[in-house]
Amino acid sequence: MAANTPLLVTTEVAPDLDTEVTSEVARALYFSIAELLTNTTKHARAESVSIQVTVVPTAKDGAIIRIRTTDDGRGGARPRVGHGLAGLHDRITGLRGTLRINSPQGGPTVVDIEVPAGSGNSVD
């Protein structure tokens, strides 16, 4: 997915990412990253974006998957009803997760997603 964007994309994926993740969570995170890359390409006037994926073990959920994207664009990203970031918020909160957007005017935009690895209905 990152290879198909005109942005310079750097990724950092936790080496211990062998955590069991439901197919629903995996799908939601894949499409979330795709949406964030699309928004960055279309709206941010960014040249680069970094994606970090980490896993945090927890007693309650087994593990939390954390994704952070940071772009060097113009900032000002806000969720609006009927648009990509609002839909992304709905997708993540539907999995008992959180979405935080920090995007001051002038940038950068930082988006943090946290989802319990076992939030979905079935484990693959």
PDB file of N, CA and C in Angstrom:
ATOM      1  N   MET A   1       0.827  -1.184   0.000  1.00  0.00           N
ATOM      2  CA  MET A   1       0.000   0.000   0.000  1.00  0.00           C
ATOM      3  C   MET A   1       0.873   1.249   0.000  1.00  0.00           C
ATOM      4  N   ALA A   2       1.898   1.317   0.848  1.00  0.00           N
ATOM      5  CA  ALA A   2       2.755   2.493   0.922  1.00  0.00           C
ATOM      6  C   ALA A   2       3.534   2.694  -0.376  1.00  0.00           C
ATOM      7  N   ALA A   3       3.843   1.614  -1.077  1.00  0.00           N
ATOM      8  CA  ALA A   3       4.595   1.716  -2.324  1.00  0.00           C
ATOM      9  C   ALA A   3       3.791   2.385  -3.432  1.00  0.00           C
ATOM     10  N   ASN A   4       2.472   2.445  -3.292  1.00  0.00           N
ATOM     11  CA  ASN A   4       1.613   3.017  -4.329  1.00  0.00           C
ATOM     12  C   ASN A   4       1.275   4.482  -4.098  1.00  0.00           C
ATOM     13  N   THR A   5       1.955   5.140  -3.183  1.00  0.00           N
ATOM     14  CA  THR A   5       1.686   6.544  -2.911  1.00  0.00           C
ATOM     15  C   THR A   5       2.851   7.396  -3.414  1.00  0.00           C
ATOM     16  N   PRO A   6       2.590   8.633  -3.834  1.00  0.00           N
ATOM     17  CA  PRO A   6       3.684   9.495  -4.290  1.00  0.00           C
ATOM     18  C   PRO A   6       4.519  10.049  -3.131  1.00  0.00           C
ATOM     19  N   LEU A   7       4.132   9.773  -1.909  1.00  0.00           N
ATOM     20  CA  LEU A   7       4.855  10.250  -0.735  1.00  0.00           C
ATOM     21  C   LEU A   7       6.065   9.371  -0.438  1.00  0.00           C
ATOM     22  N   LEU A   8       7.049   9.962   0.206  1.00  0.00           N
ATOM     23  CA  LEU A   8       8.128   9.176   0.785  1.00  0.00           C
ATOM     24  C   LEU A   8       7.559   8.597   2.082  1.00  0.00           C
ATOM     25  N   VAL A   9       7.451   7.279   2.159  1.00  0.00           N
ATOM     26  CA  VAL A   9       6.862   6.622   3.315  1.00  0.00           C
ATOM     27  C   VAL A   9       7.921   5.806   4.025  1.00  0.00           C
ATOM     28  N   THR A  10       8.093   6.066   5.315  1.00  0.00           N
ATOM     29  CA  THR A  10       8.976   5.235   6.120  1.00  0.00           C
ATOM     30  C   THR A  10       8.113   4.466   7.108  1.00  0.00           C
ATOM     31  N   THR A  11       8.498   3.234   7.353  1.00  0.00           N
ATOM     32  CA  THR A  11       7.737   2.397   8.275  1.00  0.00           C
ATOM     33  C   THR A  11       8.659   1.829   9.332  1.00  0.00           C
ATOM     34  N   GLU A  12       8.096   1.685  10.506  1.00  0.00           N
ATOM     35  CA  GLU A  12       8.791   1.041  11.616  1.00  0.00           C
ATOM     36  C   GLU A  12       7.773   0.113  12.268  1.00  0.00           C
ATOM     37  N   VAL A  13       8.004  -1.171  12.122  1.00  0.00           N
ATOM     38  CA  VAL A  13       7.076  -2.158  12.644  1.00  0.00           C
ATOM     39  C   VAL A  13       7.768  -2.918  13.761  1.00  0.00           C
ATOM     40  N   ALA A  14       7.076  -3.037  14.879  1.00  0.00           N
ATOM     41  CA  ALA A  14       7.632  -3.719  16.043  1.00  0.00           C
ATOM     42  C   ALA A  14       8.100  -5.118  15.657  1.00  0.00           C
ATOM     43  N   PRO A  15       9.301  -5.492  16.096  1.00  0.00           N
ATOM     44  CA  PRO A  15       9.795  -6.830  15.765  1.00  0.00           C
ATOM     45  C   PRO A  15       8.991  -7.944  16.437  1.00  0.00           C
ATOM     46  N   ASP A  16       8.267  -7.603  17.486  1.00  0.00           N
ATOM     47  CA  ASP A  16       7.480  -8.610  18.216  1.00  0.00           C
ATOM     48  C   ASP A  16       6.024  -8.614  17.764  1.00  0.00           C
ATOM     49  N   LEU A  17       5.802  -8.324  16.501  1.00  0.00           N
ATOM     50  CA  LEU A  17       4.443  -8.227  15.979  1.00  0.00           C
ATOM     51  C   LEU A  17       3.870  -9.606  15.641  1.00  0.00           C
ATOM     52  N   ASP A  18       4.189 -10.592  16.465  1.00  0.00           N
ATOM     53  CA  ASP A  18       3.639 -11.924  16.256  1.00  0.00           C
ATOM     54  C   ASP A  18       2.375 -12.129  17.083  1.00  0.00           C
ATOM     55  N   THR A  19       1.820 -11.038  17.592  1.00  0.00           N
ATOM     56  CA  THR A  19       0.591 -11.072  18.370  1.00  0.00           C
ATOM     57  C   THR A  19      -0.561 -11.545  17.497  1.00  0.00           C
ATOM     58  N   GLU A  20      -1.401 -12.384  18.057  1.00  0.00           N
ATOM     59  CA  GLU A  20      -2.569 -12.867  17.317  1.00  0.00           C
ATOM     60  C   GLU A  20      -3.588 -11.729  17.205  1.00  0.00           C
ATOM     61  N   VAL A  21      -3.945 -11.422  15.983  1.00  0.00           N
ATOM     62  CA  VAL A  21      -4.869 -10.328  15.696  1.00  0.00           C
ATOM     63  C   VAL A  21      -6.056 -10.903  14.933  1.00  0.00           C
ATOM     64  N   THR A  22      -7.262 -10.492  15.316  1.00  0.00           N
ATOM     65  CA  THR A  22      -8.437 -10.984  14.593  1.00  0.00           C
ATOM     66  C   THR A  22      -8.425 -10.440  13.167  1.00  0.00           C
ATOM     67  N   SER A  23      -9.088 -11.151  12.269  1.00  0.00           N
ATOM     68  CA  SER A  23      -9.152 -10.698  10.881  1.00  0.00           C
ATOM     69  C   SER A  23      -9.868  -9.356  10.789  1.00  0.00           C
ATOM     70  N   GLU A  24     -10.861  -9.138  11.645  1.00  0.00           N
ATOM     71  CA  GLU A  24     -11.586  -7.864  11.637  1.00  0.00           C
ATOM     72  C   GLU A  24     -10.665  -6.701  12.011  1.00  0.00           C
ATOM     73  N   VAL A  25      -9.836  -6.901  13.020  1.00  0.00           N
ATOM     74  CA  VAL A  25      -8.893  -5.858  13.433  1.00  0.00           C
ATOM     75  C   VAL A  25      -7.852  -5.637  12.345  1.00  0.00           C
ATOM     76  N   ALA A  26      -7.301  -6.707  11.798  1.00  0.00           N
ATOM     77  CA  ALA A  26      -6.293  -6.575  10.738  1.00  0.00           C
ATOM     78  C   ALA A  26      -6.851  -5.800   9.549  1.00  0.00           C
ATOM     79  N   ARG A  27      -8.057  -6.133   9.142  1.00  0.00           N
ATOM     80  CA  ARG A  27      -8.710  -5.447   8.018  1.00  0.00           C
ATOM     81  C   ARG A  27      -8.927  -3.968   8.345  1.00  0.00           C
ATOM     82  N   ALA A  28      -9.426  -3.687   9.533  1.00  0.00           N
ATOM     83  CA  ALA A  28      -9.694  -2.294   9.927  1.00  0.00           C
ATOM     84  C   ALA A  28      -8.407  -1.478   9.958  1.00  0.00           C
ATOM     85  N   LEU A  29      -7.332  -2.059  10.468  1.00  0.00           N
ATOM     86  CA  LEU A  29      -6.068  -1.325  10.533  1.00  0.00           C
ATOM     87  C   LEU A  29      -5.481  -1.107   9.143  1.00  0.00           C
ATOM     88  N   TYR A  30      -5.581  -2.102   8.286  1.00  0.00           N
ATOM     89  CA  TYR A  30      -5.108  -1.950   6.909  1.00  0.00           C
ATOM     90  C   TYR A  30      -5.828  -0.785   6.226  1.00  0.00           C
ATOM     91  N   PHE A  31      -7.155  -0.798   6.293  1.00  0.00           N
ATOM     92  CA  PHE A  31      -7.918   0.259   5.631  1.00  0.00           C
ATOM     93  C   PHE A  31      -7.744   1.610   6.324  1.00  0.00           C
ATOM     94  N   SER A  32      -7.459   1.611   7.603  1.00  0.00           N
ATOM     95  CA  SER A  32      -7.189   2.865   8.312  1.00  0.00           C
ATOM     96  C   SER A  32      -5.902   3.496   7.805  1.00  0.00           C
ATOM     97  N   ILE A  33      -4.870   2.695   7.665  1.00  0.00           N
ATOM     98  CA  ILE A  33      -3.612   3.228   7.139  1.00  0.00           C
ATOM     99  C   ILE A  33      -3.804   3.699   5.704  1.00  0.00           C
ATOM    100  N   ALA A  34      -4.539   2.937   4.910  1.00  0.00           N
ATOM    101  CA  ALA A  34      -4.808   3.350   3.529  1.00  0.00           C
ATOM    102  C   ALA A  34      -5.537   4.691   3.491  1.00  0.00           C
ATOM    103  N   GLU A  35      -6.525   4.864   4.356  1.00  0.00           N
ATOM    104  CA  GLU A  35      -7.274   6.128   4.420  1.00  0.00           C
ATOM    105  C   GLU A  35      -6.361   7.280   4.831  1.00  0.00           C
ATOM    106  N   LEU A  36      -5.506   7.046   5.805  1.00  0.00           N
ATOM    107  CA  LEU A  36      -4.597   8.101   6.251  1.00  0.00           C
ATOM    108  C   LEU A  36      -3.602   8.478   5.151  1.00  0.00           C
ATOM    109  N   LEU A  37      -3.084   7.501   4.421  1.00  0.00           N
ATOM    110  CA  LEU A  37      -2.179   7.810   3.311  1.00  0.00           C
ATOM    111  C   LEU A  37      -2.908   8.565   2.199  1.00  0.00           C
ATOM    112  N   THR A  38      -4.136   8.170   1.923  1.00  0.00           N
ATOM    113  CA  THR A  38      -4.935   8.867   0.908  1.00  0.00           C
ATOM    114  C   THR A  38      -5.171  10.314   1.311  1.00  0.00           C
ATOM    115  N   ASN A  39      -5.583  10.528   2.559  1.00  0.00           N
ATOM    116  CA  ASN A  39      -5.823  11.895   3.040  1.00  0.00           C
ATOM    117  C   ASN A  39      -4.550  12.731   2.988  1.00  0.00           C
ATOM    118  N   THR A  40      -3.447  12.142   3.386  1.00  0.00           N
ATOM    119  CA  THR A  40      -2.179  12.871   3.360  1.00  0.00           C
ATOM    120  C   THR A  40      -1.830  13.269   1.935  1.00  0.00           C
ATOM    121  N   THR A  41      -2.001  12.351   1.004  1.00  0.00           N
ATOM    122  CA  THR A  41      -1.689  12.622  -0.402  1.00  0.00           C
ATOM    123  C   THR A  41      -2.611  13.696  -0.979  1.00  0.00           C
ATOM    124  N   LYS A  42      -3.906  13.592  -0.703  1.00  0.00           N
ATOM    125  CA  LYS A  42      -4.888  14.489  -1.308  1.00  0.00           C
ATOM    126  C   LYS A  42      -4.951  15.868  -0.674  1.00  0.00           C
ATOM    127  N   HIS A  43      -4.779  15.954   0.638  1.00  0.00           N
ATOM    128  CA  HIS A  43      -5.103  17.198   1.329  1.00  0.00           C
ATOM    129  C   HIS A  43      -3.934  17.893   2.033  1.00  0.00           C
ATOM    130  N   ALA A  44      -2.941  17.156   2.451  1.00  0.00           N
ATOM    131  CA  ALA A  44      -1.934  17.732   3.348  1.00  0.00           C
ATOM    132  C   ALA A  44      -0.805  18.461   2.648  1.00  0.00           C
ATOM    133  N   ARG A  45      -0.665  18.221   1.339  1.00  0.00           N
ATOM    134  CA  ARG A  45       0.486  18.775   0.613  1.00  0.00           C
ATOM    135  C   ARG A  45       1.799  18.337   1.260  1.00  0.00           C
ATOM    136  N   ALA A  46       1.798  17.131   1.749  1.00  0.00           N
ATOM    137  CA  ALA A  46       2.974  16.578   2.418  1.00  0.00           C
ATOM    138  C   ALA A  46       3.918  15.953   1.402  1.00  0.00           C
ATOM    139  N   GLU A  47       5.170  15.859   1.797  1.00  0.00           N
ATOM    140  CA  GLU A  47       6.162  15.166   0.994  1.00  0.00           C
ATOM    141  C   GLU A  47       6.486  13.797   1.576  1.00  0.00           C
ATOM    142  N   SER A  48       6.305  13.658   2.894  1.00  0.00           N
ATOM    143  CA  SER A  48       6.649  12.387   3.524  1.00  0.00           C
ATOM    144  C   SER A  48       5.706  12.087   4.682  1.00  0.00           C
ATOM    145  N   VAL A  49       5.657  10.801   5.001  1.00  0.00           N
ATOM    146  CA  VAL A  49       4.859  10.330   6.129  1.00  0.00           C
ATOM    147  C   VAL A  49       5.586   9.141   6.744  1.00  0.00           C
ATOM    148  N   SER A  50       5.534   9.051   8.064  1.00  0.00           N
ATOM    149  CA  SER A  50       6.103   7.881   8.730  1.00  0.00           C
ATOM    150  C   SER A  50       4.965   7.116   9.402  1.00  0.00           C
ATOM    151  N   ILE A  51       5.122   5.801   9.414  1.00  0.00           N
ATOM    152  CA  ILE A  51       4.139   4.919  10.030  1.00  0.00           C
ATOM    153  C   ILE A  51       4.876   4.047  11.039  1.00  0.00           C
ATOM    154  N   GLN A  52       4.403   4.071  12.272  1.00  0.00           N
ATOM    155  CA  GLN A  52       4.984   3.225  13.315  1.00  0.00           C
ATOM    156  C   GLN A  52       3.899   2.289  13.827  1.00  0.00           C
ATOM    157  N   VAL A  53       4.244   1.012  13.942  1.00  0.00           N
ATOM    158  CA  VAL A  53       3.322   0.018  14.465  1.00  0.00           C
ATOM    159  C   VAL A  53       3.999  -0.666  15.643  1.00  0.00           C
ATOM    160  N   THR A  54       3.335  -0.631  16.798  1.00  0.00           N
ATOM    161  CA  THR A  54       3.867  -1.284  17.989  1.00  0.00           C
ATOM    162  C   THR A  54       2.777  -2.109  18.654  1.00  0.00           C
ATOM    163  N   VAL A  55       3.208  -3.009  19.504  1.00  0.00           N
ATOM    164  CA  VAL A  55       2.306  -3.858  20.264  1.00  0.00           C
ATOM    165  C   VAL A  55       2.605  -3.660  21.735  1.00  0.00           C
ATOM    166  N   VAL A  56       1.548  -3.437  22.525  1.00  0.00           N
ATOM    167  CA  VAL A  56       1.697  -3.266  23.961  1.00  0.00           C
ATOM    168  C   VAL A  56       0.905  -4.369  24.655  1.00  0.00           C
ATOM    169  N   PRO A  57       1.582  -5.287  25.353  1.00  0.00           N
ATOM    170  CA  PRO A  57       0.857  -6.340  26.067  1.00  0.00           C
ATOM    171  C   PRO A  57      -0.010  -5.745  27.178  1.00  0.00           C
ATOM    172  N   THR A  58      -1.209  -6.273  27.347  1.00  0.00           N
ATOM    173  CA  THR A  58      -2.091  -5.845  28.427  1.00  0.00           C
ATOM    174  C   THR A  58      -2.738  -7.075  29.047  1.00  0.00           C
ATOM    175  N   ALA A  59      -3.086  -6.964  30.303  1.00  0.00           N
ATOM    176  CA  ALA A  59      -3.747  -8.075  30.996  1.00  0.00           C
ATOM    177  C   ALA A  59      -5.178  -8.249  30.497  1.00  0.00           C
ATOM    178  N   LYS A  60      -5.849  -7.135  30.233  1.00  0.00           N
ATOM    179  CA  LYS A  60      -7.263  -7.182  29.864  1.00  0.00           C
ATOM    180  C   LYS A  60      -7.502  -7.698  28.451  1.00  0.00           C
ATOM    181  N   ASP A  61      -6.774  -7.154  27.472  1.00  0.00           N
ATOM    182  CA  ASP A  61      -7.042  -7.447  26.067  1.00  0.00           C
ATOM    183  C   ASP A  61      -6.001  -8.343  25.409  1.00  0.00           C
ATOM    184  N   GLY A  62      -5.002  -8.772  26.142  1.00  0.00           N
ATOM    185  CA  GLY A  62      -3.920  -9.547  25.539  1.00  0.00           C
ATOM    186  C   GLY A  62      -2.863  -8.644  24.948  1.00  0.00           C
ATOM    187  N   ALA A  63      -3.277  -7.721  24.090  1.00  0.00           N
ATOM    188  CA  ALA A  63      -2.353  -6.759  23.491  1.00  0.00           C
ATOM    189  C   ALA A  63      -3.141  -5.629  22.842  1.00  0.00           C
ATOM    190  N   ILE A  64      -2.512  -4.493  22.797  1.00  0.00           N
ATOM    191  CA  ILE A  64      -3.042  -3.324  22.092  1.00  0.00           C
ATOM    192  C   ILE A  64      -2.128  -3.083  20.896  1.00  0.00           C
ATOM    193  N   ILE A  65      -2.723  -2.917  19.728  1.00  0.00           N
ATOM    194  CA  ILE A  65      -1.967  -2.535  18.535  1.00  0.00           C
ATOM    195  C   ILE A  65      -2.010  -1.016  18.457  1.00  0.00           C
ATOM    196  N   ARG A  66      -0.837  -0.417  18.374  1.00  0.00           N
ATOM    197  CA  ARG A  66      -0.733   1.043  18.252  1.00  0.00           C
ATOM    198  C   ARG A  66      -0.144   1.391  16.895  1.00  0.00           C
ATOM    199  N   ILE A  67      -0.803   2.315  16.235  1.00  0.00           N
ATOM    200  CA  ILE A  67      -0.308   2.829  14.965  1.00  0.00           C
ATOM    201  C   ILE A  67      -0.223   4.342  15.082  1.00  0.00           C
ATOM    202  N   ARG A  68       0.910   4.880  14.687  1.00  0.00           N
ATOM    203  CA  ARG A  68       1.080   6.337  14.640  1.00  0.00           C
ATOM    204  C   ARG A  68       1.546   6.708  13.241  1.00  0.00           C
ATOM    205  N   THR A  69       0.833   7.662  12.635  1.00  0.00           N
ATOM    206  CA  THR A  69       1.294   8.229  11.369  1.00  0.00           C
ATOM    207  C   THR A  69       1.621   9.695  11.622  1.00  0.00           C
ATOM    208  N   THR A  70       2.711  10.130  11.029  1.00  0.00           N
ATOM    209  CA  THR A  70       3.147  11.521  11.150  1.00  0.00           C
ATOM    210  C   THR A  70       3.526  12.005   9.768  1.00  0.00           C
ATOM    211  N   ASP A  71       2.898  13.105   9.329  1.00  0.00           N
ATOM    212  CA  ASP A  71       3.265  13.651   8.024  1.00  0.00           C
ATOM    213  C   ASP A  71       3.838  15.051   8.183  1.00  0.00           C
ATOM    214  N   ASP A  72       4.498  15.524   7.139  1.00  0.00           N
ATOM    215  CA  ASP A  72       5.104  16.863   7.165  1.00  0.00           C
ATOM    216  C   ASP A  72       4.261  17.864   6.382  1.00  0.00           C
ATOM    217  N   GLY A  73       2.966  17.633   6.356  1.00  0.00           N
ATOM    218  CA  GLY A  73       2.062  18.488   5.589  1.00  0.00           C
ATOM    219  C   GLY A  73       1.649  19.749   6.319  1.00  0.00           C
ATOM    220  N   ARG A  74       0.629  20.393   5.766  1.00  0.00           N
ATOM    221  CA  ARG A  74       0.197  21.723   6.231  1.00  0.00           C
ATOM    222  C   ARG A  74      -0.694  21.708   7.460  1.00  0.00           C
ATOM    223  N   GLY A  75      -1.136  20.548   7.900  1.00  0.00           N
ATOM    224  CA  GLY A  75      -1.966  20.455   9.104  1.00  0.00           C
ATOM    225  C   GLY A  75      -3.402  20.850   8.846  1.00  0.00           C
ATOM    226  N   GLY A  76      -4.140  20.997   9.923  1.00  0.00           N
ATOM    227  CA  GLY A  76      -5.537  21.400   9.840  1.00  0.00           C
ATOM    228  C   GLY A  76      -6.514  20.259   9.620  1.00  0.00           C
ATOM    229  N   ALA A  77      -6.068  19.026   9.752  1.00  0.00           N
ATOM    230  CA  ALA A  77      -6.969  17.876   9.542  1.00  0.00           C
ATOM    231  C   ALA A  77      -7.978  17.794  10.681  1.00  0.00           C
ATOM    232  N   ARG A  78      -9.245  17.649  10.317  1.00  0.00           N
ATOM    233  CA  ARG A  78     -10.333  17.534  11.290  1.00  0.00           C
ATOM    234  C   ARG A  78     -11.351  16.533  10.786  1.00  0.00           C
ATOM    235  N   PRO A  79     -11.905  15.701  11.671  1.00  0.00           N
ATOM    236  CA  PRO A  79     -12.989  14.809  11.236  1.00  0.00           C
ATOM    237  C   PRO A  79     -14.242  15.624  10.929  1.00  0.00           C
ATOM    238  N   ARG A  80     -14.860  15.365   9.783  1.00  0.00           N
ATOM    239  CA  ARG A  80     -16.130  15.992   9.414  1.00  0.00           C
ATOM    240  C   ARG A  80     -17.095  14.896   9.007  1.00  0.00           C
ATOM    241  N   VAL A  81     -18.328  15.035   9.442  1.00  0.00           N
ATOM    242  CA  VAL A  81     -19.346  14.033   9.144  1.00  0.00           C
ATOM    243  C   VAL A  81     -19.377  13.757   7.645  1.00  0.00           C
ATOM    244  N   GLY A  82     -19.362  12.468   7.302  1.00  0.00           N
ATOM    245  CA  GLY A  82     -19.427  12.073   5.911  1.00  0.00           C
ATOM    246  C   GLY A  82     -18.095  12.039   5.199  1.00  0.00           C
ATOM    247  N   HIS A  83     -17.017  12.332   5.901  1.00  0.00           N
ATOM    248  CA  HIS A  83     -15.688  12.343   5.286  1.00  0.00           C
ATOM    249  C   HIS A  83     -14.814  11.258   5.912  1.00  0.00           C
ATOM    250  N   GLY A  84     -13.647  11.056   5.318  1.00  0.00           N
ATOM    251  CA  GLY A  84     -12.771   9.949   5.666  1.00  0.00           C
ATOM    252  C   GLY A  84     -12.382   9.825   7.124  1.00  0.00           C
ATOM    253  N   LEU A  85     -11.979  10.931   7.758  1.00  0.00           N
ATOM    254  CA  LEU A  85     -11.533  10.830   9.146  1.00  0.00           C
ATOM    255  C   LEU A  85     -12.672  10.496  10.099  1.00  0.00           C
ATOM    256  N   ALA A  86     -13.878  10.967   9.807  1.00  0.00           N
ATOM    257  CA  ALA A  86     -15.029  10.615  10.651  1.00  0.00           C
ATOM    258  C   ALA A  86     -15.354   9.130  10.503  1.00  0.00           C
ATOM    259  N   GLY A  87     -15.293   8.623   9.294  1.00  0.00           N
ATOM    260  CA  GLY A  87     -15.515   7.199   9.072  1.00  0.00           C
ATOM    261  C   GLY A  87     -14.440   6.354   9.726  1.00  0.00           C
ATOM    262  N   LEU A  88     -13.217   6.846   9.677  1.00  0.00           N
ATOM    263  CA  LEU A  88     -12.110   6.161  10.342  1.00  0.00           C
ATOM    264  C   LEU A  88     -12.341   6.114  11.849  1.00  0.00           C
ATOM    265  N   HIS A  89     -12.772   7.216  12.405  1.00  0.00           N
ATOM    266  CA  HIS A  89     -13.085   7.259  13.838  1.00  0.00           C
ATOM    267  C   HIS A  89     -14.148   6.224  14.190  1.00  0.00           C
ATOM    268  N   ASP A  90     -15.204   6.165  13.390  1.00  0.00           N
ATOM    269  CA  ASP A  90     -16.279   5.198  13.641  1.00  0.00           C
ATOM    270  C   ASP A  90     -15.775   3.758  13.562  1.00  0.00           C
ATOM    271  N   ARG A  91     -14.926   3.485  12.583  1.00  0.00           N
ATOM    272  CA  ARG A  91     -14.382   2.136  12.405  1.00  0.00           C
ATOM    273  C   ARG A  91     -13.556   1.721  13.622  1.00  0.00           C
ATOM    274  N   ILE A  92     -12.723   2.629  14.104  1.00  0.00           N
ATOM    275  CA  ILE A  92     -11.826   2.312  15.226  1.00  0.00           C
ATOM    276  C   ILE A  92     -12.598   2.200  16.532  1.00  0.00           C
ATOM    277  N   THR A  93     -13.510   3.125  16.798  1.00  0.00           N
ATOM    278  CA  THR A  93     -14.268   3.042  18.054  1.00  0.00           C
ATOM    279  C   THR A  93     -15.192   1.830  18.065  1.00  0.00           C
ATOM    280  N   GLY A  94     -15.618   1.362  16.899  1.00  0.00           N
ATOM    281  CA  GLY A  94     -16.422   0.151  16.815  1.00  0.00           C
ATOM    282  C   GLY A  94     -15.654  -1.090  17.245  1.00  0.00           C
ATOM    283  N   LEU A  95     -14.342  -0.986  17.278  1.00  0.00           N
ATOM    284  CA  LEU A  95     -13.481  -2.089  17.727  1.00  0.00           C
ATOM    285  C   LEU A  95     -12.936  -1.838  19.142  1.00  0.00           C
ATOM    286  N   ARG A  96     -13.605  -0.972  19.879  1.00  0.00           N
ATOM    287  CA  ARG A  96     -13.191  -0.591  21.233  1.00  0.00           C
ATOM    288  C   ARG A  96     -11.842   0.121  21.242  1.00  0.00           C
ATOM    289  N   GLY A  97     -11.529   0.777  20.151  1.00  0.00           N
ATOM    290  CA  GLY A  97     -10.265   1.478  20.041  1.00  0.00           C
ATOM    291  C   GLY A  97     -10.412   2.976  20.161  1.00  0.00           C
ATOM    292  N   THR A  98      -9.284   3.651  20.028  1.00  0.00           N
ATOM    293  CA  THR A  98      -9.277   5.110  20.081  1.00  0.00           C
ATOM    294  C   THR A  98      -8.527   5.666  18.872  1.00  0.00           C
ATOM    295  N   LEU A  99      -8.949   6.841  18.462  1.00  0.00           N
ATOM    296  CA  LEU A  99      -8.311   7.582  17.383  1.00  0.00           C
ATOM    297  C   LEU A  99      -8.083   8.997  17.893  1.00  0.00           C
ATOM    298  N   ARG A 100      -6.832   9.447  17.833  1.00  0.00           N
ATOM    299  CA  ARG A 100      -6.506  10.817  18.231  1.00  0.00           C
ATOM    300  C   ARG A 100      -5.804  11.501  17.066  1.00  0.00           C
ATOM    301  N   ILE A 101      -6.246  12.719  16.783  1.00  0.00           N
ATOM    302  CA  ILE A 101      -5.661  13.498  15.693  1.00  0.00           C
ATOM    303  C   ILE A 101      -5.107  14.785  16.280  1.00  0.00           C
ATOM    304  N   ASN A 102      -3.831  15.032  16.041  1.00  0.00           N
ATOM    305  CA  ASN A 102      -3.204  16.281  16.434  1.00  0.00           C
ATOM    306  C   ASN A 102      -2.685  16.908  15.151  1.00  0.00           C
ATOM    307  N   SER A 103      -3.357  17.980  14.704  1.00  0.00           N
ATOM    308  CA  SER A 103      -3.053  18.549  13.397  1.00  0.00           C
ATOM    309  C   SER A 103      -3.174  20.067  13.422  1.00  0.00           C
ATOM    310  N   PRO A 104      -2.232  20.741  14.092  1.00  0.00           N
ATOM    311  CA  PRO A 104      -2.308  22.202  14.123  1.00  0.00           C
ATOM    312  C   PRO A 104      -2.072  22.800  12.734  1.00  0.00           C
ATOM    313  N   GLN A 105      -2.627  23.973  12.496  1.00  0.00           N
ATOM    314  CA  GLN A 105      -2.371  24.665  11.235  1.00  0.00           C
ATOM    315  C   GLN A 105      -0.868  24.810  11.059  1.00  0.00           C
ATOM    316  N   GLY A 106      -0.376  24.500   9.895  1.00  0.00           N
ATOM    317  CA  GLY A 106       1.059  24.547   9.625  1.00  0.00           C
ATOM    318  C   GLY A 106       1.724  23.191   9.802  1.00  0.00           C
ATOM    319  N   GLY A 107       1.009  22.247  10.413  1.00  0.00           N
ATOM    320  CA  GLY A 107       1.488  20.882  10.572  1.00  0.00           C
ATOM    321  C   GLY A 107       2.425  20.709  11.741  1.00  0.00           C
ATOM    322  N   PRO A 108       2.909  19.556  11.936  1.00  0.00           N
ATOM    323  CA  PRO A 108       2.588  18.328  11.212  1.00  0.00           C
ATOM    324  C   PRO A 108       1.267  17.732  11.694  1.00  0.00           C
ATOM    325  N   THR A 109       0.805  16.705  11.018  1.00  0.00           N
ATOM    326  CA  THR A 109      -0.368  15.957  11.459  1.00  0.00           C
ATOM    327  C   THR A 109       0.112  14.629  12.025  1.00  0.00           C
ATOM    328  N   VAL A 110      -0.312  14.363  13.251  1.00  0.00           N
ATOM    329  CA  VAL A 110       0.001  13.095  13.907  1.00  0.00           C
ATOM    330  C   VAL A 110      -1.324  12.422  14.241  1.00  0.00           C
ATOM    331  N   VAL A 111      -1.476  11.180  13.786  1.00  0.00           N
ATOM    332  CA  VAL A 111      -2.683  10.406  14.065  1.00  0.00           C
ATOM    333  C   VAL A 111      -2.260   9.164  14.836  1.00  0.00           C
ATOM    334  N   ASP A 112      -2.891   8.966  15.999  1.00  0.00           N
ATOM    335  CA  ASP A 112      -2.632   7.794  16.826  1.00  0.00           C
ATOM    336  C   ASP A 112      -3.878   6.923  16.864  1.00  0.00           C
ATOM    337  N   ILE A 113      -3.688   5.651  16.589  1.00  0.00           N
ATOM    338  CA  ILE A 113      -4.757   4.657  16.649  1.00  0.00           C
ATOM    339  C   ILE A 113      -4.329   3.581  17.635  1.00  0.00           C
ATOM    340  N   GLU A 114      -5.238   3.197  18.521  1.00  0.00           N
ATOM    341  CA  GLU A 114      -5.002   2.073  19.427  1.00  0.00           C
ATOM    342  C   GLU A 114      -6.223   1.173  19.381  1.00  0.00           C
ATOM    343  N   VAL A 115      -5.989  -0.121  19.157  1.00  0.00           N
ATOM    344  CA  VAL A 115      -7.070  -1.095  19.073  1.00  0.00           C
ATOM    345  C   VAL A 115      -6.640  -2.367  19.797  1.00  0.00           C
ATOM    346  N   PRO A 116      -7.501  -2.916  20.648  1.00  0.00           N
ATOM    347  CA  PRO A 116      -7.190  -4.223  21.230  1.00  0.00           C
ATOM    348  C   PRO A 116      -7.052  -5.258  20.114  1.00  0.00           C
ATOM    349  N   ALA A 117      -6.012  -6.063  20.173  1.00  0.00           N
ATOM    350  CA  ALA A 117      -5.738  -7.045  19.118  1.00  0.00           C
ATOM    351  C   ALA A 117      -6.877  -8.030  18.948  1.00  0.00           C
ATOM    352  N   GLY A 118      -7.589  -8.337  20.018  1.00  0.00           N
ATOM    353  CA  GLY A 118      -8.673  -9.316  19.957  1.00  0.00           C
ATOM    354  C   GLY A 118     -10.048  -8.701  19.895  1.00  0.00           C
ATOM    355  N   SER A 119     -10.160  -7.488  19.341  1.00  0.00           N
ATOM    356  CA  SER A 119     -11.432  -6.771  19.329  1.00  0.00           C
ATOM    357  C   SER A 119     -12.478  -7.333  18.393  1.00  0.00           C
ATOM    358  N   GLY A 120     -12.046  -8.038  17.383  1.00  0.00           N
ATOM    359  CA  GLY A 120     -12.992  -8.506  16.384  1.00  0.00           C
ATOM    360  C   GLY A 120     -13.771  -9.717  16.847  1.00  0.00           C
ATOM    361  N   ASN A 121     -14.513 -10.303  15.929  1.00  0.00           N
ATOM    362  CA  ASN A 121     -15.371 -11.437  16.250  1.00  0.00           C
ATOM    363  C   ASN A 121     -14.707 -12.789  16.061  1.00  0.00           C
ATOM    364  N   SER A 122     -13.702 -12.858  15.185  1.00  0.00           N
ATOM    365  CA  SER A 122     -13.087 -14.149  14.933  1.00  0.00           C
ATOM    366  C   SER A 122     -11.585 -14.016  14.858  1.00  0.00           C
ATOM    367  N   VAL A 123     -10.875 -15.032  15.301  1.00  0.00           N
ATOM    368  CA  VAL A 123      -9.424 -15.035  15.257  1.00  0.00           C
ATOM    369  C   VAL A 123      -8.980 -15.937  14.116  1.00  0.00           C
ATOM    370  N   ASP A 124      -8.085 -15.417  13.277  1.00  0.00           N
ATOM    371  CA  ASP A 124      -7.533 -16.218  12.168  1.00  0.00           C
ATOM    372  C   ASP A 124      -6.294 -16.949  12.617  1.00  0.00           C
TER     373      ASP A 124
END
